[in-house]
Amino acid sequence: MRPELKKRFDDEIKGHKVVLYMKGNADFPRCGFSAAALEALRSFGAVYTVDVLDDPEVRDGIKEYSNWPTIPQCYINGKFVGGSDIVRELAERGELGDLIQGTAA
């Protein structure tokens, strides 16, 4: 991965409480999994979204960065959380809000 791309990911993830690398954007998700993750996250406040469909280098690079093969990918408080299923499971268990607020055990 190019150092500039890694720095971009580092800056985005550290610069925002909740970051979602997704297919589409917050106004127009272009994948059901991305839409589901975004919906779960939005109920806890602002979500910084990155449309991976805009740039193949970003789409492939974020997979390498996280060592996670699928999109969407969610980062909360600078840490990789996982994809759509994990985000939705955390929401269903009532743990997503605590994780976002930094109060998770």
PDB file of N, CA and C in Angstrom:
ATOM      1  N   MET A   1       0.849  -1.185   0.000  1.00  0.00           N
ATOM      2  CA  MET A   1       0.000   0.000   0.000  1.00  0.00           C
ATOM      3  C   MET A   1       0.890   1.242   0.000  1.00  0.00           C
ATOM      4  N   ARG A   2       0.498   2.187  -0.810  1.00  0.00           N
ATOM      5  CA  ARG A   2       1.244   3.445  -0.855  1.00  0.00           C
ATOM      6  C   ARG A   2       1.170   4.138   0.508  1.00  0.00           C
ATOM      7  N   PRO A   3       2.283   4.724   0.947  1.00  0.00           N
ATOM      8  CA  PRO A   3       2.278   5.419   2.240  1.00  0.00           C
ATOM      9  C   PRO A   3       1.218   6.524   2.316  1.00  0.00           C
ATOM     10  N   GLU A   4       0.958   7.198   1.183  1.00  0.00           N
ATOM     11  CA  GLU A   4      -0.043   8.269   1.171  1.00  0.00           C
ATOM     12  C   GLU A   4      -1.443   7.730   1.447  1.00  0.00           C
ATOM     13  N   LEU A   5      -1.732   6.546   0.934  1.00  0.00           N
ATOM     14  CA  LEU A   5      -3.045   5.943   1.162  1.00  0.00           C
ATOM     15  C   LEU A   5      -3.179   5.504   2.612  1.00  0.00           C
ATOM     16  N   LYS A   6      -2.127   4.904   3.161  1.00  0.00           N
ATOM     17  CA  LYS A   6      -2.158   4.507   4.574  1.00  0.00           C
ATOM     18  C   LYS A   6      -2.372   5.735   5.457  1.00  0.00           C
ATOM     19  N   LYS A   7      -1.669   6.834   5.139  1.00  0.00           N
ATOM     20  CA  LYS A   7      -1.834   8.063   5.921  1.00  0.00           C
ATOM     21  C   LYS A   7      -3.265   8.579   5.807  1.00  0.00           C
ATOM     22  N   ARG A   8      -3.840   8.500   4.625  1.00  0.00           N
ATOM     23  CA  ARG A   8      -5.227   8.932   4.455  1.00  0.00           C
ATOM     24  C   ARG A   8      -6.139   8.143   5.380  1.00  0.00           C
ATOM     25  N   PHE A   9      -5.996   6.801   5.378  1.00  0.00           N
ATOM     26  CA  PHE A   9      -6.829   5.970   6.246  1.00  0.00           C
ATOM     27  C   PHE A   9      -6.591   6.314   7.711  1.00  0.00           C
ATOM     28  N   ASP A  10      -5.313   6.437   8.104  1.00  0.00           N
ATOM     29  CA  ASP A  10      -4.995   6.789   9.495  1.00  0.00           C
ATOM     30  C   ASP A  10      -5.674   8.103   9.882  1.00  0.00           C
ATOM     31  N   ASP A  11      -5.579   9.106   9.007  1.00  0.00           N
ATOM     32  CA  ASP A  11      -6.157  10.428   9.314  1.00  0.00           C
ATOM     33  C   ASP A  11      -7.681  10.363   9.407  1.00  0.00           C
ATOM     34  N   GLU A  12      -8.317   9.648   8.485  1.00  0.00           N
ATOM     35  CA  GLU A  12      -9.778   9.539   8.514  1.00  0.00           C
ATOM     36  C   GLU A  12     -10.240   8.823   9.783  1.00  0.00           C
ATOM     37  N   ILE A  13      -9.581   7.738  10.109  1.00  0.00           N
ATOM     38  CA  ILE A  13     -10.003   6.915  11.245  1.00  0.00           C
ATOM     39  C   ILE A  13      -9.731   7.609  12.576  1.00  0.00           C
ATOM     40  N   LYS A  14      -8.607   8.300  12.674  1.00  0.00           N
ATOM     41  CA  LYS A  14      -8.286   9.003  13.917  1.00  0.00           C
ATOM     42  C   LYS A  14      -9.010  10.340  14.027  1.00  0.00           C
ATOM     43  N   GLY A  15      -9.424  10.893  12.880  1.00  0.00           N
ATOM     44  CA  GLY A  15     -10.035  12.217  12.873  1.00  0.00           C
ATOM     45  C   GLY A  15     -11.536  12.234  13.101  1.00  0.00           C
ATOM     46  N   HIS A  16     -12.158  11.064  13.151  1.00  0.00           N
ATOM     47  CA  HIS A  16     -13.608  10.978  13.318  1.00  0.00           C
ATOM     48  C   HIS A  16     -13.946   9.854  14.296  1.00  0.00           C
ATOM     49  N   LYS A  17     -14.938  10.097  15.118  1.00  0.00           N
ATOM     50  CA  LYS A  17     -15.355   9.097  16.106  1.00  0.00           C
ATOM     51  C   LYS A  17     -15.854   7.822  15.445  1.00  0.00           C
ATOM     52  N   VAL A  18     -16.672   7.955  14.402  1.00  0.00           N
ATOM     53  CA  VAL A  18     -17.241   6.804  13.695  1.00  0.00           C
ATOM     54  C   VAL A  18     -16.982   6.980  12.200  1.00  0.00           C
ATOM     55  N   VAL A  19     -16.310   5.994  11.598  1.00  0.00           N
ATOM     56  CA  VAL A  19     -16.008   6.022  10.171  1.00  0.00           C
ATOM     57  C   VAL A  19     -16.561   4.742   9.550  1.00  0.00           C
ATOM     58  N   LEU A  20     -17.275   4.906   8.442  1.00  0.00           N
ATOM     59  CA  LEU A  20     -17.819   3.757   7.727  1.00  0.00           C
ATOM     60  C   LEU A  20     -17.352   3.822   6.274  1.00  0.00           C
ATOM     61  N   TYR A  21     -16.516   2.866   5.906  1.00  0.00           N
ATOM     62  CA  TYR A  21     -16.131   2.691   4.499  1.00  0.00           C
ATOM     63  C   TYR A  21     -17.237   1.842   3.888  1.00  0.00           C
ATOM     64  N   MET A  22     -17.924   2.413   2.911  1.00  0.00           N
ATOM     65  CA  MET A  22     -19.148   1.786   2.421  1.00  0.00           C
ATOM     66  C   MET A  22     -19.265   1.920   0.909  1.00  0.00           C
ATOM     67  N   LYS A  23     -20.190   1.185   0.356  1.00  0.00           N
ATOM     68  CA  LYS A  23     -20.527   1.319  -1.061  1.00  0.00           C
ATOM     69  C   LYS A  23     -21.656   2.333  -1.142  1.00  0.00           C
ATOM     70  N   GLY A  24     -21.366   3.468  -1.771  1.00  0.00           N
ATOM     71  CA  GLY A  24     -22.310   4.570  -1.804  1.00  0.00           C
ATOM     72  C   GLY A  24     -21.946   5.576  -0.730  1.00  0.00           C
ATOM     73  N   ASN A  25     -22.897   6.449  -0.448  1.00  0.00           N
ATOM     74  CA  ASN A  25     -22.650   7.467   0.576  1.00  0.00           C
ATOM     75  C   ASN A  25     -23.840   7.550   1.523  1.00  0.00           C
ATOM     76  N   ALA A  26     -23.738   8.445   2.491  1.00  0.00           N
ATOM     77  CA  ALA A  26     -24.773   8.547   3.515  1.00  0.00           C
ATOM     78  C   ALA A  26     -26.138   8.880   2.930  1.00  0.00           C
ATOM     79  N   ASP A  27     -26.161   9.626   1.839  1.00  0.00           N
ATOM     80  CA  ASP A  27     -27.431   9.988   1.217  1.00  0.00           C
ATOM     81  C   ASP A  27     -27.954   8.919   0.271  1.00  0.00           C
ATOM     82  N   PHE A  28     -27.046   8.105  -0.271  1.00  0.00           N
ATOM     83  CA  PHE A  28     -27.447   7.107  -1.263  1.00  0.00           C
ATOM     84  C   PHE A  28     -26.585   5.853  -1.144  1.00  0.00           C
ATOM     85  N   PRO A  29     -26.859   5.017  -0.118  1.00  0.00           N
ATOM     86  CA  PRO A  29     -26.129   3.751  -0.019  1.00  0.00           C
ATOM     87  C   PRO A  29     -26.406   2.895  -1.258  1.00  0.00           C
ATOM     88  N   ARG A  30     -25.369   2.237  -1.766  1.00  0.00           N
ATOM     89  CA  ARG A  30     -25.524   1.446  -2.985  1.00  0.00           C
ATOM     90  C   ARG A  30     -25.356  -0.042  -2.716  1.00  0.00           C
ATOM     91  N   CYS A  31     -25.634  -0.439  -1.490  1.00  0.00           N
ATOM     92  CA  CYS A  31     -25.518  -1.838  -1.089  1.00  0.00           C
ATOM     93  C   CYS A  31     -26.342  -2.014   0.181  1.00  0.00           C
ATOM     94  N   GLY A  32     -27.077  -3.106   0.262  1.00  0.00           N
ATOM     95  CA  GLY A  32     -27.912  -3.353   1.430  1.00  0.00           C
ATOM     96  C   GLY A  32     -27.130  -3.476   2.725  1.00  0.00           C
ATOM     97  N   PHE A  33     -25.948  -4.083   2.659  1.00  0.00           N
ATOM     98  CA  PHE A  33     -25.126  -4.232   3.863  1.00  0.00           C
ATOM     99  C   PHE A  33     -24.628  -2.870   4.340  1.00  0.00           C
ATOM    100  N   SER A  34     -24.211  -2.025   3.401  1.00  0.00           N
ATOM    101  CA  SER A  34     -23.769  -0.676   3.759  1.00  0.00           C
ATOM    102  C   SER A  34     -24.920   0.125   4.360  1.00  0.00           C
ATOM    103  N   ALA A  35     -26.096   0.022   3.773  1.00  0.00           N
ATOM    104  CA  ALA A  35     -27.270   0.734   4.285  1.00  0.00           C
ATOM    105  C   ALA A  35     -27.622   0.275   5.697  1.00  0.00           C
ATOM    106  N   ALA A  36     -27.558  -1.024   5.950  1.00  0.00           N
ATOM    107  CA  ALA A  36     -27.902  -1.565   7.271  1.00  0.00           C
ATOM    108  C   ALA A  36     -26.906  -1.100   8.338  1.00  0.00           C
ATOM    109  N   ALA A  37     -25.624  -1.111   8.000  1.00  0.00           N
ATOM    110  CA  ALA A  37     -24.615  -0.657   8.958  1.00  0.00           C
ATOM    111  C   ALA A  37     -24.791   0.831   9.252  1.00  0.00           C
ATOM    112  N   LEU A  38     -25.007   1.611   8.204  1.00  0.00           N
ATOM    113  CA  LEU A  38     -25.203   3.049   8.363  1.00  0.00           C
ATOM    114  C   LEU A  38     -26.421   3.343   9.230  1.00  0.00           C
ATOM    115  N   GLU A  39     -27.507   2.641   8.996  1.00  0.00           N
ATOM    116  CA  GLU A  39     -28.726   2.849   9.786  1.00  0.00           C
ATOM    117  C   GLU A  39     -28.480   2.565  11.264  1.00  0.00           C
ATOM    118  N   ALA A  40     -27.780   1.476  11.557  1.00  0.00           N
ATOM    119  CA  ALA A  40     -27.491   1.139  12.963  1.00  0.00           C
ATOM    120  C   ALA A  40     -26.618   2.209  13.613  1.00  0.00           C
ATOM    121  N   LEU A  41     -25.629   2.705  12.880  1.00  0.00           N
ATOM    122  CA  LEU A  41     -24.704   3.686  13.433  1.00  0.00           C
ATOM    123  C   LEU A  41     -25.333   5.067  13.588  1.00  0.00           C
ATOM    124  N   ARG A  42     -26.163   5.460  12.649  1.00  0.00           N
ATOM    125  CA  ARG A  42     -26.745   6.811  12.648  1.00  0.00           C
ATOM    126  C   ARG A  42     -27.557   7.115  13.894  1.00  0.00           C
ATOM    127  N   SER A  43     -28.156   6.111  14.481  1.00  0.00           N
ATOM    128  CA  SER A  43     -28.985   6.369  15.663  1.00  0.00           C
ATOM    129  C   SER A  43     -28.143   6.847  16.850  1.00  0.00           C
ATOM    130  N   PHE A  44     -26.803   6.757  16.723  1.00  0.00           N
ATOM    131  CA  PHE A  44     -25.917   7.199  17.806  1.00  0.00           C
ATOM    132  C   PHE A  44     -25.150   8.464  17.446  1.00  0.00           C
ATOM    133  N   GLY A  45     -25.541   9.110  16.356  1.00  0.00           N
ATOM    134  CA  GLY A  45     -24.902  10.373  15.998  1.00  0.00           C
ATOM    135  C   GLY A  45     -24.266  10.338  14.623  1.00  0.00           C
ATOM    136  N   ALA A  46     -23.381  11.294  14.413  1.00  0.00           N
ATOM    137  CA  ALA A  46     -22.761  11.488  13.111  1.00  0.00           C
ATOM    138  C   ALA A  46     -21.859  10.321  12.723  1.00  0.00           C
ATOM    139  N   VAL A  47     -21.899  10.002  11.454  1.00  0.00           N
ATOM    140  CA  VAL A  47     -21.052   8.959  10.886  1.00  0.00           C
ATOM    141  C   VAL A  47     -20.304   9.575   9.705  1.00  0.00           C
ATOM    142  N   TYR A  48     -18.980   9.478   9.723  1.00  0.00           N
ATOM    143  CA  TYR A  48     -18.177   9.922   8.592  1.00  0.00           C
ATOM    144  C   TYR A  48     -18.124   8.761   7.616  1.00  0.00           C
ATOM    145  N   THR A  49     -18.602   8.977   6.395  1.00  0.00           N
ATOM    146  CA  THR A  49     -18.646   7.891   5.418  1.00  0.00           C
ATOM    147  C   THR A  49     -17.658   8.146   4.283  1.00  0.00           C
ATOM    148  N   VAL A  50     -17.125   7.047   3.757  1.00  0.00           N
ATOM    149  CA  VAL A  50     -16.230   7.083   2.611  1.00  0.00           C
ATOM    150  C   VAL A  50     -16.799   6.119   1.580  1.00  0.00           C
ATOM    151  N   ASP A  51     -17.071   6.631   0.391  1.00  0.00           N
ATOM    152  CA  ASP A  51     -17.613   5.810  -0.693  1.00  0.00           C
ATOM    153  C   ASP A  51     -16.460   5.101  -1.397  1.00  0.00           C
ATOM    154  N   VAL A  52     -16.345   3.800  -1.179  1.00  0.00           N
ATOM    155  CA  VAL A  52     -15.244   3.037  -1.776  1.00  0.00           C
ATOM    156  C   VAL A  52     -15.431   2.834  -3.277  1.00  0.00           C
ATOM    157  N   LEU A  53     -16.632   3.079  -3.774  1.00  0.00           N
ATOM    158  CA  LEU A  53     -16.873   2.915  -5.199  1.00  0.00           C
ATOM    159  C   LEU A  53     -16.283   4.076  -6.008  1.00  0.00           C
ATOM    160  N   ASP A  54     -15.942   5.170  -5.341  1.00  0.00           N
ATOM    161  CA  ASP A  54     -15.355   6.328  -6.017  1.00  0.00           C
ATOM    162  C   ASP A  54     -13.924   6.075  -6.484  1.00  0.00           C
ATOM    163  N   ASP A  55     -13.234   5.137  -5.830  1.00  0.00           N
ATOM    164  CA  ASP A  55     -11.812   4.948  -6.111  1.00  0.00           C
ATOM    165  C   ASP A  55     -11.418   3.500  -5.849  1.00  0.00           C
ATOM    166  N   PRO A  56     -11.069   2.751  -6.900  1.00  0.00           N
ATOM    167  CA  PRO A  56     -10.679   1.344  -6.715  1.00  0.00           C
ATOM    168  C   PRO A  56      -9.500   1.175  -5.757  1.00  0.00           C
ATOM    169  N   GLU A  57      -8.591   2.154  -5.726  1.00  0.00           N
ATOM    170  CA  GLU A  57      -7.450   2.055  -4.812  1.00  0.00           C
ATOM    171  C   GLU A  57      -7.915   2.091  -3.352  1.00  0.00           C
ATOM    172  N   VAL A  58      -8.893   2.930  -3.069  1.00  0.00           N
ATOM    173  CA  VAL A  58      -9.448   2.994  -1.709  1.00  0.00           C
ATOM    174  C   VAL A  58     -10.194   1.701  -1.391  1.00  0.00           C
ATOM    175  N   ARG A  59     -10.988   1.211  -2.336  1.00  0.00           N
ATOM    176  CA  ARG A  59     -11.758  -0.025  -2.121  1.00  0.00           C
ATOM    177  C   ARG A  59     -10.833  -1.195  -1.800  1.00  0.00           C
ATOM    178  N   ASP A  60      -9.766  -1.357  -2.555  1.00  0.00           N
ATOM    179  CA  ASP A  60      -8.833  -2.450  -2.309  1.00  0.00           C
ATOM    180  C   ASP A  60      -7.928  -2.159  -1.114  1.00  0.00           C
ATOM    181  N   GLY A  61      -7.530  -0.892  -0.974  1.00  0.00           N
ATOM    182  CA  GLY A  61      -6.610  -0.519   0.094  1.00  0.00           C
ATOM    183  C   GLY A  61      -7.183  -0.689   1.481  1.00  0.00           C
ATOM    184  N   ILE A  62      -8.460  -0.367   1.666  1.00  0.00           N
ATOM    185  CA  ILE A  62      -9.035  -0.488   3.010  1.00  0.00           C
ATOM    186  C   ILE A  62      -9.119  -1.949   3.425  1.00  0.00           C
ATOM    187  N   LYS A  63      -9.296  -2.834   2.467  1.00  0.00           N
ATOM    188  CA  LYS A  63      -9.308  -4.276   2.773  1.00  0.00           C
ATOM    189  C   LYS A  63      -7.933  -4.726   3.253  1.00  0.00           C
ATOM    190  N   GLU A  64      -6.897  -4.220   2.614  1.00  0.00           N
ATOM    191  CA  GLU A  64      -5.531  -4.537   3.034  1.00  0.00           C
ATOM    192  C   GLU A  64      -5.224  -3.905   4.390  1.00  0.00           C
ATOM    193  N   TYR A  65      -5.639  -2.660   4.565  1.00  0.00           N
ATOM    194  CA  TYR A  65      -5.377  -1.906   5.792  1.00  0.00           C
ATOM    195  C   TYR A  65      -5.935  -2.640   7.015  1.00  0.00           C
ATOM    196  N   SER A  66      -7.159  -3.143   6.868  1.00  0.00           N
ATOM    197  CA  SER A  66      -7.836  -3.784   8.003  1.00  0.00           C
ATOM    198  C   SER A  66      -7.622  -5.291   8.054  1.00  0.00           C
ATOM    199  N   ASN A  67      -7.127  -5.848   6.950  1.00  0.00           N
ATOM    200  CA  ASN A  67      -7.048  -7.301   6.806  1.00  0.00           C
ATOM    201  C   ASN A  67      -8.441  -7.926   6.936  1.00  0.00           C
ATOM    202  N   TRP A  68      -9.416  -7.261   6.320  1.00  0.00           N
ATOM    203  CA  TRP A  68     -10.816  -7.686   6.345  1.00  0.00           C
ATOM    204  C   TRP A  68     -11.299  -7.689   4.897  1.00  0.00           C
ATOM    205  N   PRO A  69     -11.907  -8.767   4.419  1.00  0.00           N
ATOM    206  CA  PRO A  69     -12.135  -8.904   2.979  1.00  0.00           C
ATOM    207  C   PRO A  69     -13.370  -8.215   2.406  1.00  0.00           C
ATOM    208  N   THR A  70     -14.242  -7.682   3.232  1.00  0.00           N
ATOM    209  CA  THR A  70     -15.507  -7.183   2.709  1.00  0.00           C
ATOM    210  C   THR A  70     -15.748  -5.718   3.072  1.00  0.00           C
ATOM    211  N   ILE A  71     -16.701  -5.140   2.372  1.00  0.00           N
ATOM    212  CA  ILE A  71     -17.189  -3.775   2.600  1.00  0.00           C
ATOM    213  C   ILE A  71     -18.666  -3.917   2.948  1.00  0.00           C
ATOM    214  N   PRO A  72     -19.200  -3.205   3.913  1.00  0.00           N
ATOM    215  CA  PRO A  72     -18.632  -2.066   4.614  1.00  0.00           C
ATOM    216  C   PRO A  72     -17.662  -2.471   5.714  1.00  0.00           C
ATOM    217  N   GLN A  73     -16.897  -1.465   6.145  1.00  0.00           N
ATOM    218  CA  GLN A  73     -15.990  -1.618   7.272  1.00  0.00           C
ATOM    219  C   GLN A  73     -16.198  -0.431   8.199  1.00  0.00           C
ATOM    220  N   CYS A  74     -16.329  -0.749   9.475  1.00  0.00           N
ATOM    221  CA  CYS A  74     -16.613   0.281  10.469  1.00  0.00           C
ATOM    222  C   CYS A  74     -15.455   0.416  11.449  1.00  0.00           C
ATOM    223  N   TYR A  75     -15.101   1.662  11.712  1.00  0.00           N
ATOM    224  CA  TYR A  75     -14.096   2.003  12.721  1.00  0.00           C
ATOM    225  C   TYR A  75     -14.761   2.924  13.739  1.00  0.00           C
ATOM    226  N   ILE A  76     -14.546   2.625  15.009  1.00  0.00           N
ATOM    227  CA  ILE A  76     -15.113   3.443  16.080  1.00  0.00           C
ATOM    228  C   ILE A  76     -13.986   3.798  17.048  1.00  0.00           C
ATOM    229  N   ASN A  77     -13.860   5.088  17.324  1.00  0.00           N
ATOM    230  CA  ASN A  77     -12.819   5.577  18.228  1.00  0.00           C
ATOM    231  C   ASN A  77     -11.442   5.045  17.838  1.00  0.00           C
ATOM    232  N   GLY A  78     -11.161   5.046  16.528  1.00  0.00           N
ATOM    233  CA  GLY A  78      -9.852   4.662  16.032  1.00  0.00           C
ATOM    234  C   GLY A  78      -9.586   3.181  15.921  1.00  0.00           C
ATOM    235  N   LYS A  79     -10.579   2.359  16.226  1.00  0.00           N
ATOM    236  CA  LYS A  79     -10.378   0.907  16.195  1.00  0.00           C
ATOM    237  C   LYS A  79     -11.325   0.251  15.202  1.00  0.00           C
ATOM    238  N   PHE A  80     -10.816  -0.765  14.510  1.00  0.00           N
ATOM    239  CA  PHE A  80     -11.640  -1.522  13.577  1.00  0.00           C
ATOM    240  C   PHE A  80     -12.642  -2.364  14.351  1.00  0.00           C
ATOM    241  N   VAL A  81     -13.914  -2.252  13.983  1.00  0.00           N
ATOM    242  CA  VAL A  81     -14.985  -2.997  14.642  1.00  0.00           C
ATOM    243  C   VAL A  81     -15.389  -4.205  13.809  1.00  0.00           C
ATOM    244  N   GLY A  82     -15.568  -4.004  12.500  1.00  0.00           N
ATOM    245  CA  GLY A  82     -15.983  -5.092  11.622  1.00  0.00           C
ATOM    246  C   GLY A  82     -16.931  -4.594  10.552  1.00  0.00           C
ATOM    247  N   GLY A  83     -17.677  -5.524  10.011  1.00  0.00           N
ATOM    248  CA  GLY A  83     -18.598  -5.221   8.934  1.00  0.00           C
ATOM    249  C   GLY A  83     -20.032  -5.061   9.405  1.00  0.00           C
ATOM    250  N   SER A  84     -20.929  -5.139   8.465  1.00  0.00           N
ATOM    251  CA  SER A  84     -22.344  -4.885   8.706  1.00  0.00           C
ATOM    252  C   SER A  84     -22.933  -5.815   9.769  1.00  0.00           C
ATOM    253  N   ASP A  85     -22.660  -7.105   9.660  1.00  0.00           N
ATOM    254  CA  ASP A  85     -23.243  -8.059  10.612  1.00  0.00           C
ATOM    255  C   ASP A  85     -22.801  -7.759  12.035  1.00  0.00           C
ATOM    256  N   ILE A  86     -21.534  -7.441  12.223  1.00  0.00           N
ATOM    257  CA  ILE A  86     -21.023  -7.158  13.565  1.00  0.00           C
ATOM    258  C   ILE A  86     -21.633  -5.876  14.115  1.00  0.00           C
ATOM    259  N   VAL A  87     -21.709  -4.850  13.288  1.00  0.00           N
ATOM    260  CA  VAL A  87     -22.310  -3.581  13.727  1.00  0.00           C
ATOM    261  C   VAL A  87     -23.762  -3.802  14.141  1.00  0.00           C
ATOM    262  N   ARG A  88     -24.507  -4.547  13.327  1.00  0.00           N
ATOM    263  CA  ARG A  88     -25.919  -4.795  13.657  1.00  0.00           C
ATOM    264  C   ARG A  88     -26.055  -5.650  14.917  1.00  0.00           C
ATOM    265  N   GLU A  89     -25.192  -6.637  15.090  1.00  0.00           N
ATOM    266  CA  GLU A  89     -25.236  -7.464  16.309  1.00  0.00           C
ATOM    267  C   GLU A  89     -24.947  -6.626  17.545  1.00  0.00           C
ATOM    268  N   LEU A  90     -23.958  -5.744  17.465  1.00  0.00           N
ATOM    269  CA  LEU A  90     -23.658  -4.858  18.593  1.00  0.00           C
ATOM    270  C   LEU A  90     -24.851  -3.971  18.919  1.00  0.00           C
ATOM    271  N   ALA A  91     -25.531  -3.472  17.896  1.00  0.00           N
ATOM    272  CA  ALA A  91     -26.719  -2.636  18.113  1.00  0.00           C
ATOM    273  C   ALA A  91     -27.830  -3.442  18.767  1.00  0.00           C
ATOM    274  N   GLU A  92     -28.065  -4.654  18.266  1.00  0.00           N
ATOM    275  CA  GLU A  92     -29.132  -5.495  18.818  1.00  0.00           C
ATOM    276  C   GLU A  92     -28.870  -5.870  20.273  1.00  0.00           C
ATOM    277  N   ARG A  93     -27.600  -6.040  20.642  1.00  0.00           N
ATOM    278  CA  ARG A  93     -27.250  -6.400  22.022  1.00  0.00           C
ATOM    279  C   ARG A  93     -27.170  -5.181  22.931  1.00  0.00           C
ATOM    280  N   GLY A  94     -27.361  -3.985  22.356  1.00  0.00           N
ATOM    281  CA  GLY A  94     -27.305  -2.768  23.149  1.00  0.00           C
ATOM    282  C   GLY A  94     -25.887  -2.322  23.478  1.00  0.00           C
ATOM    283  N   GLU A  95     -24.894  -2.805  22.746  1.00  0.00           N
ATOM    284  CA  GLU A  95     -23.498  -2.501  23.039  1.00  0.00           C
ATOM    285  C   GLU A  95     -22.906  -1.426  22.126  1.00  0.00           C
ATOM    286  N   LEU A  96     -23.570  -1.119  21.029  1.00  0.00           N
ATOM    287  CA  LEU A  96     -23.008  -0.189  20.055  1.00  0.00           C
ATOM    288  C   LEU A  96     -22.876   1.221  20.633  1.00  0.00           C
ATOM    289  N   GLY A  97     -23.879   1.691  21.323  1.00  0.00           N
ATOM    290  CA  GLY A  97     -23.829   3.023  21.922  1.00  0.00           C
ATOM    291  C   GLY A  97     -22.695   3.161  22.916  1.00  0.00           C
ATOM    292  N   ASP A  98     -22.499   2.144  23.761  1.00  0.00           N
ATOM    293  CA  ASP A  98     -21.398   2.173  24.730  1.00  0.00           C
ATOM    294  C   ASP A  98     -20.050   2.204  24.024  1.00  0.00           C
ATOM    295  N   LEU A  99     -19.939   1.442  22.954  1.00  0.00           N
ATOM    296  CA  LEU A  99     -18.692   1.415  22.194  1.00  0.00           C
ATOM    297  C   LEU A  99     -18.405   2.790  21.595  1.00  0.00           C
ATOM    298  N   ILE A 100     -19.407   3.421  21.033  1.00  0.00           N
ATOM    299  CA  ILE A 100     -19.233   4.741  20.425  1.00  0.00           C
ATOM    300  C   ILE A 100     -18.901   5.795  21.480  1.00  0.00           C
ATOM    301  N   GLN A 101     -19.557   5.695  22.630  1.00  0.00           N
ATOM    302  CA  GLN A 101     -19.312   6.663  23.701  1.00  0.00           C
ATOM    303  C   GLN A 101     -17.998   6.393  24.447  1.00  0.00           C
ATOM    304  N   GLY A 102     -17.372   5.252  24.146  1.00  0.00           N
ATOM    305  CA  GLY A 102     -16.114   4.907  24.801  1.00  0.00           C
ATOM    306  C   GLY A 102     -16.299   4.361  26.194  1.00  0.00           C
ATOM    307  N   THR A 103     -17.508   3.852  26.489  1.00  0.00           N
ATOM    308  CA  THR A 103     -17.791   3.328  27.832  1.00  0.00           C
ATOM    309  C   THR A 103     -17.943   1.809  27.825  1.00  0.00           C
ATOM    310  N   ALA A 104     -17.640   1.170  26.701  1.00  0.00           N
ATOM    311  CA  ALA A 104     -17.750  -0.293  26.630  1.00  0.00           C
ATOM    312  C   ALA A 104     -16.701  -0.932  27.520  1.00  0.00           C
ATOM    313  N   ALA A 105     -17.079  -2.038  28.120  1.00  0.00           N
ATOM    314  CA  ALA A 105     -16.146  -2.735  29.034  1.00  0.00           C
ATOM    315  C   ALA A 105     -15.011  -3.364  28.273  1.00  0.00           C
TER     316      ALA A 105
END
